[in-house]
C-alpha atoms as a PDB file:
ATOM      1  CA  MET A   1    -101.720  14.944 -16.162  1.00  0.00           C
ATOM      2  CA  THR A   2    -105.550  14.829 -17.333  1.00  0.00           C
ATOM      3  CA  ARG A   3    -107.770  13.447 -14.923  1.00  0.00           C
ATOM      4  CA  ALA A   4    -108.231  10.494 -16.578  1.00  0.00           C
ATOM      5  CA  ALA A   5    -104.572   9.414 -17.589  1.00  0.00           C
ATOM      6  CA  LYS A   6    -104.889   9.751 -12.951  1.00  0.00           C
ATOM      7  CA  GLY A   7    -107.559   7.689 -12.955  1.00  0.00           C
ATOM      8  CA  LEU A   8    -106.143   5.075 -14.901  1.00  0.00           C
ATOM      9  CA  SER A   9    -102.569   5.487 -13.342  1.00  0.00           C
ATOM     10  CA  ALA A  10    -105.007   4.451  -9.827  1.00  0.00           C
ATOM     11  CA  PHE A  11    -106.363   1.836 -11.630  1.00  0.00           C
ATOM     12  CA  VAL A  12    -102.993   0.161 -12.522  1.00  0.00           C
ATOM     13  CA  LEU A  13    -101.391   0.701  -9.045  1.00  0.00           C
ATOM     14  CA  MET A  14    -103.850  -0.480  -7.572  1.00  0.00           C
ATOM     15  CA  ALA A  15    -104.668  -3.710  -9.894  1.00  0.00           C
ATOM     16  CA  VAL A  16    -100.637  -4.352  -9.240  1.00  0.00           C
ATOM     17  CA  MET A  17    -100.517  -4.102  -5.267  1.00  0.00           C
ATOM     18  CA  LEU A  18    -103.552  -7.160  -6.029  1.00  0.00           C
ATOM     19  CA  MET A  19    -101.228  -8.889  -8.037  1.00  0.00           C
ATOM     20  CA  LEU A  20     -98.574  -8.954  -4.714  1.00  0.00           C
ATOM     21  CA  PRO A  21     -97.958 -11.828  -2.463  1.00  0.00           C
ATOM     22  CA  GLY A  22     -99.059 -10.696   1.014  1.00  0.00           C
ATOM     23  CA  CYS A  23     -97.802 -10.179   4.384  1.00  0.00           C
ATOM     24  CA  GLY A  24    -100.197 -10.635   6.568  1.00  0.00           C
ATOM     25  CA  ASP A  25    -100.975 -11.322  10.592  1.00  0.00           C
ATOM     26  CA  SER A  26    -101.499 -14.959   9.474  1.00  0.00           C
ATOM     27  CA  GLU A  27     -97.909 -15.381   9.082  1.00  0.00           C
ATOM     28  CA  PRO A  28     -95.778 -16.738  11.382  1.00  0.00           C
ATOM     29  CA  ALA A  29     -93.447 -14.696  12.017  1.00  0.00           C
ATOM     30  CA  VAL A  30     -89.643 -16.334  11.090  1.00  0.00           C
ATOM     31  CA  GLU A  31     -86.766 -15.686  14.720  1.00  0.00           C
ATOM     32  CA  VAL A  32     -83.106 -14.598  14.181  1.00  0.00           C
ATOM     33  CA  ASP A  33     -80.832 -16.098  16.678  1.00  0.00           C
ATOM     34  CA  LEU A  34     -78.181 -13.636  15.788  1.00  0.00           C
ATOM     35  CA  THR A  35     -75.872 -14.874  18.353  1.00  0.00           C
ATOM     36  CA  ARG A  36     -75.133 -17.993  16.480  1.00  0.00           C
ATOM     37  CA  ARG A  37     -73.234 -17.799  13.338  1.00  0.00           C
ATOM     38  CA  GLU A  38     -72.226 -20.802  10.916  1.00  0.00           C
ATOM     39  CA  ARG A  39     -68.659 -20.012   9.198  1.00  0.00           C
ATOM     40  CA  LEU A  40     -69.025 -20.847   5.826  1.00  0.00           C
ATOM     41  CA  VAL A  41     -66.072 -21.232   3.406  1.00  0.00           C
ATOM     42  CA  ALA A  42     -65.266 -21.279  -0.280  1.00  0.00           C
ATOM     43  CA  PRO A  43     -65.337 -24.477  -2.343  1.00  0.00           C
ATOM     44  CA  GLN A  44     -62.040 -25.028  -3.293  1.00  0.00           C
ATOM     45  CA  ARG A  45     -60.476 -25.780  -6.766  1.00  0.00           C
ATOM     46  CA  GLN A  46     -58.833 -29.152  -6.911  1.00  0.00           C
ATOM     47  CA  LYS A  47     -54.814 -28.715  -6.731  1.00  0.00           C
ATOM     48  CA  THR A  48     -53.779 -29.437 -10.743  1.00  0.00           C
ATOM     49  CA  ILE A  49     -49.922 -31.048 -11.754  1.00  0.00           C
ATOM     50  CA  THR A  50     -48.554 -28.453 -14.237  1.00  0.00           C
ATOM     51  CA  TYR A  51     -46.950 -29.586 -16.604  1.00  0.00           C
ATOM     52  CA  ALA A  52     -44.299 -27.441 -18.965  1.00  0.00           C
ATOM     53  CA  TYR A  53     -43.325 -27.460 -22.365  1.00  0.00           C
ATOM     54  CA  LEU A  54     -40.463 -25.014 -23.321  1.00  0.00           C
ATOM     55  CA  PRO A  55     -41.999 -22.503 -24.768  1.00  0.00           C
ATOM     56  CA  GLN A  56     -40.300 -23.879 -28.877  1.00  0.00           C
ATOM     57  CA  TYR A  57     -42.933 -22.764 -30.714  1.00  0.00           C
ATOM     58  CA  SER A  58     -46.258 -21.356 -30.360  1.00  0.00           C
ATOM     59  CA  ARG A  59     -48.710 -21.958 -27.949  1.00  0.00           C
ATOM     60  CA  THR A  60     -51.035 -23.008 -30.677  1.00  0.00           C
ATOM     61  CA  VAL A  61     -47.778 -25.467 -31.919  1.00  0.00           C
ATOM     62  CA  SER A  62     -47.081 -26.468 -28.090  1.00  0.00           C
ATOM     63  CA  PHE A  63     -51.084 -26.963 -27.066  1.00  0.00           C
ATOM     64  CA  GLN A  64     -51.633 -29.621 -30.113  1.00  0.00           C
ATOM     65  CA  ARG A  65     -48.037 -31.606 -29.534  1.00  0.00           C
ATOM     66  CA  HIS A  66     -48.976 -32.424 -25.799  1.00  0.00           C
ATOM     67  CA  ARG A  67     -52.346 -32.437 -25.700  1.00  0.00           C
ATOM     68  CA  ALA A  68     -52.581 -36.237 -26.714  1.00  0.00           C
ATOM     69  CA  LEU A  69     -49.520 -37.019 -24.308  1.00  0.00           C
ATOM     70  CA  LEU A  70     -51.238 -35.332 -21.399  1.00  0.00           C
ATOM     71  CA  GLU A  71     -54.366 -36.715 -21.827  1.00  0.00           C
ATOM     72  CA  TYR A  72     -52.566 -40.132 -21.726  1.00  0.00           C
ATOM     73  CA  LEU A  73     -50.987 -39.161 -18.428  1.00  0.00           C
ATOM     74  CA  ARG A  74     -54.501 -37.781 -16.643  1.00  0.00           C
ATOM     75  CA  VAL A  75     -56.182 -41.554 -18.200  1.00  0.00           C
ATOM     76  CA  THR A  76     -53.113 -43.990 -17.177  1.00  0.00           C
ATOM     77  CA  THR A  77     -52.293 -42.242 -14.046  1.00  0.00           C
ATOM     78  CA  GLY A  78     -55.255 -41.123 -13.153  1.00  0.00           C
ATOM     79  CA  LEU A  79     -53.622 -37.623 -12.054  1.00  0.00           C
ATOM     80  CA  PRO A  80     -54.451 -34.222 -12.647  1.00  0.00           C
ATOM     81  CA  LEU A  81     -52.563 -32.843 -14.917  1.00  0.00           C
ATOM     82  CA  HIS A  82     -52.504 -30.030 -17.046  1.00  0.00           C
ATOM     83  CA  GLN A  83     -50.418 -27.695 -19.917  1.00  0.00           C
ATOM     84  CA  VAL A  84     -49.453 -24.474 -18.445  1.00  0.00           C
ATOM     85  CA  PHE A  85     -47.444 -21.632 -21.418  1.00  0.00           C
ATOM     86  CA  PRO A  86     -44.916 -20.078 -20.174  1.00  0.00           C
ATOM     87  CA  ASP A  87     -44.323 -16.646 -22.952  1.00  0.00           C
ATOM     88  CA  THR A  88     -39.997 -17.267 -23.089  1.00  0.00           C
ATOM     89  CA  PHE A  89     -37.424 -19.542 -21.917  1.00  0.00           C
ATOM     90  CA  ASP A  90     -36.495 -17.026 -18.770  1.00  0.00           C
ATOM     91  CA  GLU A  91     -40.047 -17.118 -17.972  1.00  0.00           C
ATOM     92  CA  HIS A  92     -40.295 -20.793 -18.169  1.00  0.00           C
ATOM     93  CA  VAL A  93     -37.392 -20.853 -15.625  1.00  0.00           C
ATOM     94  CA  LYS A  94     -38.735 -18.035 -13.723  1.00  0.00           C
ATOM     95  CA  MET A  95     -42.829 -20.567 -12.705  1.00  0.00           C
ATOM     96  CA  VAL A  96     -40.660 -23.914 -12.044  1.00  0.00           C
ATOM     97  CA  GLN A  97     -38.574 -21.239  -9.348  1.00  0.00           C
ATOM     98  CA  ARG A  98     -41.434 -20.430  -8.406  1.00  0.00           C
ATOM     99  CA  GLY A  99     -44.083 -23.963  -8.102  1.00  0.00           C
ATOM    100  CA  GLU A 100     -45.786 -22.864 -10.925  1.00  0.00           C
ATOM    101  CA  ILE A 101     -45.373 -26.075 -13.146  1.00  0.00           C
ATOM    102  CA  ASP A 102     -44.431 -29.100 -11.637  1.00  0.00           C
ATOM    103  CA  ILE A 103     -43.037 -30.997 -15.295  1.00  0.00           C
ATOM    104  CA  SER A 104     -40.987 -29.471 -16.955  1.00  0.00           C
ATOM    105  CA  TYR A 105     -40.056 -30.227 -20.902  1.00  0.00           C
ATOM    106  CA  SER A 106     -37.231 -28.690 -21.463  1.00  0.00           C
ATOM    107  CA  ASN A 107     -34.534 -28.233 -23.538  1.00  0.00           C
ATOM    108  CA  PRO A 108     -30.899 -29.740 -22.196  1.00  0.00           C
ATOM    109  CA  PHE A 109     -29.204 -26.329 -21.895  1.00  0.00           C
ATOM    110  CA  ILE A 110     -32.558 -24.951 -19.572  1.00  0.00           C
ATOM    111  CA  TYR A 111     -32.884 -28.609 -17.975  1.00  0.00           C
ATOM    112  CA  ILE A 112     -29.149 -28.067 -16.478  1.00  0.00           C
ATOM    113  CA  GLN A 113     -30.424 -24.263 -14.796  1.00  0.00           C
ATOM    114  CA  LEU A 114     -33.156 -25.861 -13.789  1.00  0.00           C
ATOM    115  CA  ALA A 115     -31.092 -28.147 -11.665  1.00  0.00           C
ATOM    116  CA  GLU A 116     -29.197 -25.370  -9.509  1.00  0.00           C
ATOM    117  CA  ILE A 117     -33.159 -24.702  -8.200  1.00  0.00           C
ATOM    118  CA  GLY A 118     -33.978 -28.084  -6.990  1.00  0.00           C
ATOM    119  CA  SER A 119     -35.076 -29.772 -10.084  1.00  0.00           C
ATOM    120  CA  THR A 120     -34.509 -34.132 -10.516  1.00  0.00           C
ATOM    121  CA  ALA A 121     -33.833 -35.032 -14.319  1.00  0.00           C
ATOM    122  CA  PHE A 122     -36.166 -38.639 -14.089  1.00  0.00           C
ATOM    123  CA  ALA A 123     -36.610 -39.151 -17.903  1.00  0.00           C
ATOM    124  CA  LYS A 124     -35.689 -37.892 -21.936  1.00  0.00           C
ATOM    125  CA  ILE A 125     -37.462 -38.890 -25.090  1.00  0.00           C
ATOM    126  CA  VAL A 126     -36.205 -40.465 -27.929  1.00  0.00           C
ATOM    127  CA  GLU A 127     -36.333 -38.424 -31.051  1.00  0.00           C
ATOM    128  CA  PRO A 128     -37.524 -39.864 -34.581  1.00  0.00           C
ATOM    129  CA  GLY A 129     -34.945 -40.289 -35.330  1.00  0.00           C
ATOM    130  CA  GLY A 130     -34.274 -42.864 -33.197  1.00  0.00           C
ATOM    131  CA  THR A 131     -31.187 -41.400 -30.422  1.00  0.00           C
ATOM    132  CA  PRO A 132     -31.744 -39.840 -27.209  1.00  0.00           C
ATOM    133  CA  ALA A 133     -29.739 -36.610 -28.593  1.00  0.00           C
ATOM    134  CA  PHE A 134     -30.613 -33.719 -31.515  1.00  0.00           C
ATOM    135  CA  SER A 135     -28.094 -31.132 -32.590  1.00  0.00           C
ATOM    136  CA  GLY A 136     -28.705 -27.386 -34.047  1.00  0.00           C
ATOM    137  CA  GLN A 137     -28.822 -26.205 -37.474  1.00  0.00           C
ATOM    138  CA  ILE A 138     -27.165 -22.992 -39.451  1.00  0.00           C
ATOM    139  CA  ILE A 139     -29.544 -22.022 -42.350  1.00  0.00           C
ATOM    140  CA  CYS A 140     -29.690 -18.999 -44.895  1.00  0.00           C
ATOM    141  CA  ARG A 141     -31.247 -18.502 -47.815  1.00  0.00           C
ATOM    142  CA  SER A 142     -30.912 -21.420 -50.955  1.00  0.00           C
ATOM    143  CA  ASP A 143     -30.083 -18.005 -53.300  1.00  0.00           C
ATOM    144  CA  ASN A 144     -27.662 -16.569 -50.942  1.00  0.00           C
ATOM    145  CA  PRO A 145     -24.244 -16.150 -52.657  1.00  0.00           C
ATOM    146  CA  THR A 146     -22.920 -14.187 -50.318  1.00  0.00           C
ATOM    147  CA  ILE A 147     -22.435 -17.527 -48.411  1.00  0.00           C
ATOM    148  CA  LYS A 148     -20.657 -20.928 -48.791  1.00  0.00           C
ATOM    149  CA  SER A 149     -19.191 -22.463 -45.967  1.00  0.00           C
ATOM    150  CA  ILE A 150     -19.415 -21.398 -42.322  1.00  0.00           C
ATOM    151  CA  ALA A 151     -16.270 -18.631 -42.742  1.00  0.00           C
ATOM    152  CA  ASP A 152     -18.718 -16.407 -44.394  1.00  0.00           C
ATOM    153  CA  CYS A 153     -20.485 -16.151 -41.672  1.00  0.00           C
ATOM    154  CA  ARG A 154     -18.834 -13.511 -40.362  1.00  0.00           C
ATOM    155  CA  GLY A 155     -20.030  -9.792 -40.819  1.00  0.00           C
ATOM    156  CA  LYS A 156     -23.117 -11.697 -41.110  1.00  0.00           C
ATOM    157  CA  ARG A 157     -26.774 -10.939 -39.782  1.00  0.00           C
ATOM    158  CA  LEU A 158     -27.204 -13.426 -36.951  1.00  0.00           C
ATOM    159  CA  ILE A 159     -30.967 -13.993 -36.117  1.00  0.00           C
ATOM    160  CA  ALA A 160     -31.494 -17.056 -33.374  1.00  0.00           C
ATOM    161  CA  VAL A 161     -34.031 -18.761 -31.536  1.00  0.00           C
ATOM    162  CA  ASP A 162     -33.427 -17.586 -27.694  1.00  0.00           C
ATOM    163  CA  PRO A 163     -30.650 -16.653 -25.015  1.00  0.00           C
ATOM    164  CA  GLY A 164     -32.416 -20.391 -24.120  1.00  0.00           C
ATOM    165  CA  SER A 165     -31.954 -22.240 -26.712  1.00  0.00           C
ATOM    166  CA  ALA A 166     -30.631 -25.606 -27.013  1.00  0.00           C
ATOM    167  CA  GLY A 167     -30.918 -26.175 -30.520  1.00  0.00           C
ATOM    168  CA  GLY A 168     -31.415 -23.526 -31.710  1.00  0.00           C
ATOM    169  CA  PHE A 169     -28.453 -21.776 -30.608  1.00  0.00           C
ATOM    170  CA  LEU A 170     -26.005 -22.312 -28.103  1.00  0.00           C
ATOM    171  CA  PHE A 171     -25.172 -25.671 -29.686  1.00  0.00           C
ATOM    172  CA  PRO A 172     -24.326 -23.665 -33.217  1.00  0.00           C
ATOM    173  CA  LEU A 173     -22.641 -21.836 -31.497  1.00  0.00           C
ATOM    174  CA  GLY A 174     -20.667 -23.861 -30.124  1.00  0.00           C
ATOM    175  CA  LEU A 175     -19.811 -24.847 -33.600  1.00  0.00           C
ATOM    176  CA  PHE A 176     -19.087 -20.697 -35.041  1.00  0.00           C
ATOM    177  CA  TYR A 177     -16.628 -21.095 -31.649  1.00  0.00           C
ATOM    178  CA  ASP A 178     -14.485 -24.434 -33.447  1.00  0.00           C
ATOM    179  CA  HIS A 179     -13.859 -21.975 -36.443  1.00  0.00           C
ATOM    180  CA  GLY A 180     -13.107 -19.395 -34.630  1.00  0.00           C
ATOM    181  CA  ILE A 181     -15.749 -16.616 -35.077  1.00  0.00           C
ATOM    182  CA  ARG A 182     -17.726 -15.206 -32.064  1.00  0.00           C
ATOM    183  CA  LEU A 183     -20.734 -13.465 -31.398  1.00  0.00           C
ATOM    184  CA  GLU A 184     -19.310 -10.075 -31.395  1.00  0.00           C
ATOM    185  CA  ASP A 185     -17.647 -11.217 -34.980  1.00  0.00           C
ATOM    186  CA  PHE A 186     -21.993 -10.587 -36.748  1.00  0.00           C
ATOM    187  CA  SER A 187     -23.252  -7.226 -37.526  1.00  0.00           C
ATOM    188  CA  GLU A 188     -25.939  -7.971 -35.887  1.00  0.00           C
ATOM    189  CA  VAL A 189     -27.856 -10.531 -33.391  1.00  0.00           C
ATOM    190  CA  GLU A 190     -31.871 -10.862 -32.949  1.00  0.00           C
ATOM    191  CA  PHE A 191     -33.882 -13.349 -31.306  1.00  0.00           C
ATOM    192  CA  ALA A 192     -36.861 -14.926 -31.853  1.00  0.00           C
ATOM    193  CA  GLN A 193     -38.741 -14.998 -28.803  1.00  0.00           C
ATOM    194  CA  GLY A 194     -38.223 -18.341 -28.408  1.00  0.00           C
ATOM    195  CA  LYS A 195     -39.697 -19.740 -31.798  1.00  0.00           C
ATOM    196  CA  GLN A 196     -38.019 -21.782 -34.658  1.00  0.00           C
ATOM    197  CA  GLU A 197     -40.162 -21.080 -37.475  1.00  0.00           C
ATOM    198  CA  LYS A 198     -39.902 -17.878 -37.104  1.00  0.00           C
ATOM    199  CA  VAL A 199     -35.999 -17.628 -37.123  1.00  0.00           C
ATOM    200  CA  ILE A 200     -36.707 -19.472 -40.473  1.00  0.00           C
ATOM    201  CA  LEU A 201     -39.652 -16.841 -41.777  1.00  0.00           C
ATOM    202  CA  ALA A 202     -37.070 -13.815 -40.819  1.00  0.00           C
ATOM    203  CA  VAL A 203     -34.601 -16.000 -42.832  1.00  0.00           C
ATOM    204  CA  LEU A 204     -37.015 -16.874 -45.440  1.00  0.00           C
ATOM    205  CA  ALA A 205     -37.816 -13.104 -45.560  1.00  0.00           C
ATOM    206  CA  GLY A 206     -34.183 -11.578 -45.357  1.00  0.00           C
ATOM    207  CA  ALA A 207     -33.986  -9.869 -42.705  1.00  0.00           C
ATOM    208  CA  TYR A 208     -31.205 -12.141 -41.634  1.00  0.00           C
ATOM    209  CA  ASP A 209     -28.774 -12.963 -43.499  1.00  0.00           C
ATOM    210  CA  ILE A 210     -28.368 -16.577 -41.027  1.00  0.00           C
ATOM    211  CA  GLY A 211     -30.448 -18.418 -38.676  1.00  0.00           C
ATOM    212  CA  THR A 212     -30.007 -21.283 -36.165  1.00  0.00           C
ATOM    213  CA  ILE A 213     -32.591 -24.137 -35.717  1.00  0.00           C
ATOM    214  CA  ARG A 214     -32.689 -27.295 -33.842  1.00  0.00           C
ATOM    215  CA  LYS A 215     -32.849 -30.412 -36.457  1.00  0.00           C
ATOM    216  CA  GLY A 216     -36.219 -30.652 -37.213  1.00  0.00           C
ATOM    217  CA  SER A 217     -37.531 -27.639 -37.123  1.00  0.00           C
ATOM    218  CA  LEU A 218     -37.848 -27.038 -41.483  1.00  0.00           C
ATOM    219  CA  ASP A 219     -40.673 -30.377 -40.936  1.00  0.00           C
ATOM    220  CA  VAL A 220     -42.527 -27.678 -39.022  1.00  0.00           C
ATOM    221  CA  VAL A 221     -43.022 -24.857 -41.287  1.00  0.00           C
ATOM    222  CA  ALA A 222     -42.916 -27.801 -44.464  1.00  0.00           C
ATOM    223  CA  GLY A 223     -46.589 -27.101 -45.346  1.00  0.00           C
ATOM    224  CA  MET A 224     -46.105 -23.012 -44.894  1.00  0.00           C
ATOM    225  CA  ILE A 225     -42.987 -21.936 -47.121  1.00  0.00           C
ATOM    226  CA  ASP A 226     -41.405 -23.739 -49.714  1.00  0.00           C
ATOM    227  CA  LEU A 227     -38.972 -25.494 -48.023  1.00  0.00           C
ATOM    228  CA  SER A 228     -36.169 -25.200 -51.226  1.00  0.00           C
ATOM    229  CA  ASP A 229     -35.812 -21.733 -51.166  1.00  0.00           C
ATOM    230  CA  ILE A 230     -33.972 -22.429 -47.258  1.00  0.00           C
ATOM    231  CA  ARG A 231     -30.440 -23.696 -47.461  1.00  0.00           C
ATOM    232  CA  VAL A 232     -28.648 -25.804 -44.416  1.00  0.00           C
ATOM    233  CA  LEU A 233     -25.424 -24.446 -44.228  1.00  0.00           C
ATOM    234  CA  ALA A 234     -23.983 -26.864 -41.338  1.00  0.00           C
ATOM    235  CA  GLU A 235     -25.766 -29.244 -39.296  1.00  0.00           C
ATOM    236  CA  THR A 236     -24.129 -28.892 -35.690  1.00  0.00           C
ATOM    237  CA  ARG A 237     -22.262 -32.225 -33.252  1.00  0.00           C
ATOM    238  CA  ASN A 238     -25.740 -34.429 -32.030  1.00  0.00           C
ATOM    239  CA  TYR A 239     -25.608 -33.033 -27.241  1.00  0.00           C
ATOM    240  CA  PRO A 240     -28.432 -35.510 -25.653  1.00  0.00           C
ATOM    241  CA  GLY A 241     -31.482 -34.412 -26.344  1.00  0.00           C
ATOM    242  CA  TRP A 242     -34.719 -32.893 -24.247  1.00  0.00           C
ATOM    243  CA  VAL A 243     -35.892 -34.236 -21.116  1.00  0.00           C
ATOM    244  CA  TYR A 244     -38.577 -34.036 -18.700  1.00  0.00           C
ATOM    245  CA  SER A 245     -37.922 -33.072 -14.820  1.00  0.00           C
ATOM    246  CA  ALA A 246     -39.797 -31.997 -12.002  1.00  0.00           C
ATOM    247  CA  ARG A 247     -39.709 -29.707  -9.514  1.00  0.00           C
ATOM    248  CA  ASP A 248     -37.763 -29.175  -6.142  1.00  0.00           C
ATOM    249  CA  GLY A 249     -40.425 -30.061  -3.802  1.00  0.00           C
ATOM    250  CA  PHE A 250     -42.769 -32.015  -6.298  1.00  0.00           C
ATOM    251  CA  ASP A 251     -44.075 -35.598  -4.894  1.00  0.00           C
ATOM    252  CA  PRO A 252     -41.727 -37.990  -6.132  1.00  0.00           C
ATOM    253  CA  ALA A 253     -44.729 -40.537  -5.664  1.00  0.00           C
ATOM    254  CA  ALA A 254     -46.110 -38.437  -8.404  1.00  0.00           C
ATOM    255  CA  VAL A 255     -43.685 -38.902 -10.288  1.00  0.00           C
ATOM    256  CA  GLY A 256     -42.942 -42.529 -10.598  1.00  0.00           C
ATOM    257  CA  ALA A 257     -46.379 -43.209 -11.496  1.00  0.00           C
ATOM    258  CA  ILE A 258     -46.267 -41.004 -14.873  1.00  0.00           C
ATOM    259  CA  ALA A 259     -42.278 -41.695 -14.924  1.00  0.00           C
ATOM    260  CA  GLU A 260     -43.638 -44.794 -15.754  1.00  0.00           C
ATOM    261  CA  ALA A 261     -46.705 -44.430 -17.913  1.00  0.00           C
ATOM    262  CA  MET A 262     -44.241 -42.488 -20.220  1.00  0.00           C
ATOM    263  CA  PHE A 263     -42.233 -45.255 -20.019  1.00  0.00           C
ATOM    264  CA  SER A 264     -45.171 -48.180 -21.110  1.00  0.00           C
ATOM    265  CA  LEU A 265     -45.798 -45.426 -23.631  1.00  0.00           C
ATOM    266  CA  ASP A 266     -44.600 -48.993 -26.577  1.00  0.00           C
ATOM    267  CA  PRO A 267     -44.299 -47.491 -30.343  1.00  0.00           C
ATOM    268  CA  ALA A 268     -45.246 -51.202 -31.750  1.00  0.00           C
ATOM    269  CA  ILE A 269     -48.791 -50.541 -30.894  1.00  0.00           C
ATOM    270  CA  PRO A 270     -50.474 -47.996 -33.183  1.00  0.00           C
ATOM    271  CA  GLU A 271     -52.331 -45.913 -30.413  1.00  0.00           C
ATOM    272  CA  HIS A 272     -49.115 -45.274 -28.522  1.00  0.00           C
ATOM    273  CA  ARG A 273     -47.444 -44.341 -32.067  1.00  0.00           C
ATOM    274  CA  GLU A 274     -49.427 -41.374 -33.036  1.00  0.00           C
ATOM    275  CA  ILE A 275     -49.042 -39.887 -29.275  1.00  0.00           C
ATOM    276  CA  LEU A 276     -45.428 -40.177 -29.468  1.00  0.00           C
ATOM    277  CA  GLY A 277     -45.474 -38.718 -33.222  1.00  0.00           C
ATOM    278  CA  VAL A 278     -47.711 -36.374 -32.841  1.00  0.00           C
ATOM    279  CA  ALA A 279     -45.502 -34.975 -30.107  1.00  0.00           C
ATOM    280  CA  GLY A 280     -42.042 -34.842 -32.040  1.00  0.00           C
ATOM    281  CA  MET A 281     -40.696 -38.274 -30.913  1.00  0.00           C
ATOM    282  CA  SER A 282     -40.868 -42.482 -30.707  1.00  0.00           C
ATOM    283  CA  GLY A 283     -40.531 -42.850 -26.878  1.00  0.00           C
ATOM    284  CA  ILE A 284     -39.249 -41.716 -23.469  1.00  0.00           C
ATOM    285  CA  ILE A 285     -36.307 -43.341 -21.197  1.00  0.00           C
ATOM    286  CA  PRO A 286     -35.785 -42.922 -18.265  1.00  0.00           C
ATOM    287  CA  ALA A 287     -32.388 -39.680 -17.681  1.00  0.00           C
ATOM    288  CA  HIS A 288     -30.267 -38.930 -15.063  1.00  0.00           C
ATOM    289  CA  ASP A 289     -28.218 -35.501 -14.511  1.00  0.00           C
ATOM    290  CA  ALA A 290     -25.492 -37.619 -15.234  1.00  0.00           C
ATOM    291  CA  ASP A 291     -27.517 -37.723 -18.530  1.00  0.00           C
ATOM    292  CA  TYR A 292     -26.066 -33.817 -19.625  1.00  0.00           C
ATOM    293  CA  GLY A 293     -21.814 -33.419 -18.399  1.00  0.00           C
ATOM    294  CA  PRO A 294     -21.398 -32.403 -22.159  1.00  0.00           C
ATOM    295  CA  ILE A 295     -24.051 -29.834 -21.564  1.00  0.00           C
ATOM    296  CA  ARG A 296     -21.894 -28.687 -18.791  1.00  0.00           C
ATOM    297  CA  GLU A 297     -18.892 -27.891 -21.255  1.00  0.00           C
ATOM    298  CA  LEU A 298     -20.181 -26.147 -24.081  1.00  0.00           C
ATOM    299  CA  ALA A 299     -21.465 -24.169 -21.415  1.00  0.00           C
ATOM    300  CA  ASP A 300     -19.081 -23.564 -20.308  1.00  0.00           C
ATOM    301  CA  LYS A 301     -16.857 -23.121 -23.723  1.00  0.00           C
ATOM    302  CA  VAL A 302     -19.755 -20.748 -24.615  1.00  0.00           C
ATOM    303  CA  GLY A 303     -19.514 -18.533 -21.070  1.00  0.00           C
ATOM    304  CA  ARG A 304     -22.583 -19.704 -20.399  1.00  0.00           C
END
């Protein structure tokens, strides 16, 4: 470093020191008593009530369908509800068992599993068709020349929604049983991780010969595909519909408040009708465990 540079560095250092606040002898000393301590408590998040829609569709669709309903329930009850999103049917059941889902909106087959771990049905939906029941469908491509009846499904490649799907698997499976067709009679059986859309698209793409979905699912993809390319080969009988249940040990007063708010939804009121319509229902009415006897009978028939 040159002599001139050393002089400049010293000048800059001195200037900086002059600008720094001083700590002189005139300032009073602060005494710290280390024998006195105060316990600091971290702020806690408010406990929320978790609400989950069985992953019948993608997370985006699930969120969109139930966003307005959740907001209505939050405002009407004053309860801090928020929606959570299990990825699979099996995870949904395990989350209820671990107490991570308080209010479960599920198909009736998953409900009878939840009931075995202590959940209680308190409400069920009225389908857009006006009944608290729904059905499943068997679909194929419209231009598939080899499939004209259920009997023609033997030996074909099948894709279904999920092993725990009611309309998307078990209802049609019961129909196959009624026609003497068992799972082992298909050349291939695959599941679409709980997503109805995937079944429809897989059949449309020709990856599988037939698919099983719940009735109404074709409406969800109406803007994505030409529905005339898909043919509904058969439709099952009606079974008890989707159900709301509360996990074992969940606050009964909160369940009562949520149920009352749900039962107050009136499709004659435009705002309520819009909330229900987006969620794929036309009303919510009381439910009891005994309503699901036909589901238990079907589960016994198909060995599930």
